[in-house]
Amino acid sequence: MENLQHNALPRAGLLVALGILIPFVTGHGFGMAGNILLPMHFTVLLSGFLLGPVGGLLVGLVTPILSSLLTG
């Protein structure tokens, strides 16, 4: 966590929230199956670019767990 910038935590939280919200909206709102489109990976990849490897790893670990707990 020491390698993260001081403003990386709000960005990581936003990217985790988007990683949960975008698949939920596209899956339920537009009826796109998960095998066709995996929008959660876009936010995780973006977090790796914006936050670096440590931030991307943390977002990549937290996002699927929270998404599974919240949306099933």
Protein backbone atom coordinates (compact mmCIF):
# COMPACT_ATOMS: atom_id res chain seq x y z
CA MET A 1 0.00 0.00 0.00
CA GLU A 2 2.99 2.28 0.44
CA ASN A 3 3.65 2.26 -3.30
CA LEU A 4 0.26 3.79 -4.05
CA GLN A 5 0.01 7.52 -4.52
CA HIS A 6 -1.84 9.56 -1.93
CA ASN A 7 -4.82 10.08 -4.25
CA ALA A 8 -4.93 6.48 -5.51
CA LEU A 9 -7.42 5.22 -2.91
CA PRO A 10 -10.37 7.30 -4.18
CA ARG A 11 -9.51 6.30 -7.74
CA ALA A 12 -9.32 2.65 -6.74
CA GLY A 13 -12.69 2.91 -5.01
CA LEU A 14 -14.24 4.49 -8.08
CA LEU A 15 -12.81 1.81 -10.35
CA VAL A 16 -14.06 -0.96 -8.05
CA ALA A 17 -17.52 0.61 -8.06
CA LEU A 18 -17.46 0.87 -11.85
CA GLY A 19 -16.23 -2.71 -12.06
CA ILE A 20 -19.33 -3.80 -10.17
CA LEU A 21 -21.81 -1.41 -11.76
CA ILE A 22 -20.92 -1.74 -15.45
CA PRO A 23 -21.33 -5.55 -15.68
CA PHE A 24 -24.55 -5.36 -13.69
CA VAL A 25 -26.02 -2.70 -16.00
CA THR A 26 -24.90 -4.35 -19.25
CA GLY A 27 -25.93 -7.82 -18.12
CA HIS A 28 -29.35 -6.93 -16.79
CA GLY A 29 -30.21 -3.79 -18.70
CA PHE A 30 -29.16 -4.89 -22.17
CA GLY A 31 -29.28 -8.67 -21.75
CA MET A 32 -25.68 -9.25 -22.80
CA ALA A 33 -24.32 -12.53 -21.54
CA GLY A 34 -21.06 -12.66 -19.60
CA ASN A 35 -19.48 -14.98 -22.15
CA ILE A 36 -19.86 -12.36 -24.88
CA LEU A 37 -18.82 -9.20 -23.03
CA LEU A 38 -16.73 -9.00 -19.86
CA PRO A 39 -16.78 -5.30 -18.96
CA MET A 40 -15.35 -5.86 -15.47
CA HIS A 41 -11.98 -6.48 -17.03
CA PHE A 42 -11.93 -3.05 -18.64
CA THR A 43 -11.95 -1.32 -15.25
CA VAL A 44 -9.35 -3.69 -13.81
CA LEU A 45 -7.08 -3.11 -16.81
CA LEU A 46 -7.61 0.63 -16.55
CA SER A 47 -6.73 0.53 -12.86
CA GLY A 48 -3.45 -1.17 -13.70
CA PHE A 49 -2.62 1.66 -16.08
CA LEU A 50 -3.74 4.46 -13.76
CA LEU A 51 -2.70 3.11 -10.38
CA GLY A 52 0.26 0.95 -11.25
CA PRO A 53 0.79 -2.74 -10.58
CA VAL A 54 -0.02 -2.67 -6.87
CA GLY A 55 -3.22 -0.67 -7.31
CA GLY A 56 -4.26 -2.78 -10.28
CA LEU A 57 -3.68 -5.94 -8.28
CA LEU A 58 -5.76 -4.70 -5.37
CA VAL A 59 -8.61 -3.60 -7.62
CA GLY A 60 -8.36 -6.88 -9.52
CA LEU A 61 -8.66 -8.87 -6.31
CA VAL A 62 -11.43 -6.85 -4.67
CA THR A 63 -13.72 -6.25 -7.66
CA PRO A 64 -14.76 -9.85 -8.47
CA ILE A 65 -15.24 -10.72 -4.80
CA LEU A 66 -17.48 -7.73 -4.13
CA SER A 67 -19.32 -8.23 -7.41
CA SER A 68 -20.05 -11.83 -6.53
CA LEU A 69 -21.23 -10.91 -3.03
CA LEU A 70 -23.41 -8.00 -4.17
CA THR A 71 -24.87 -9.19 -7.46
CA GLY A 72 -24.51 -12.96 -7.36
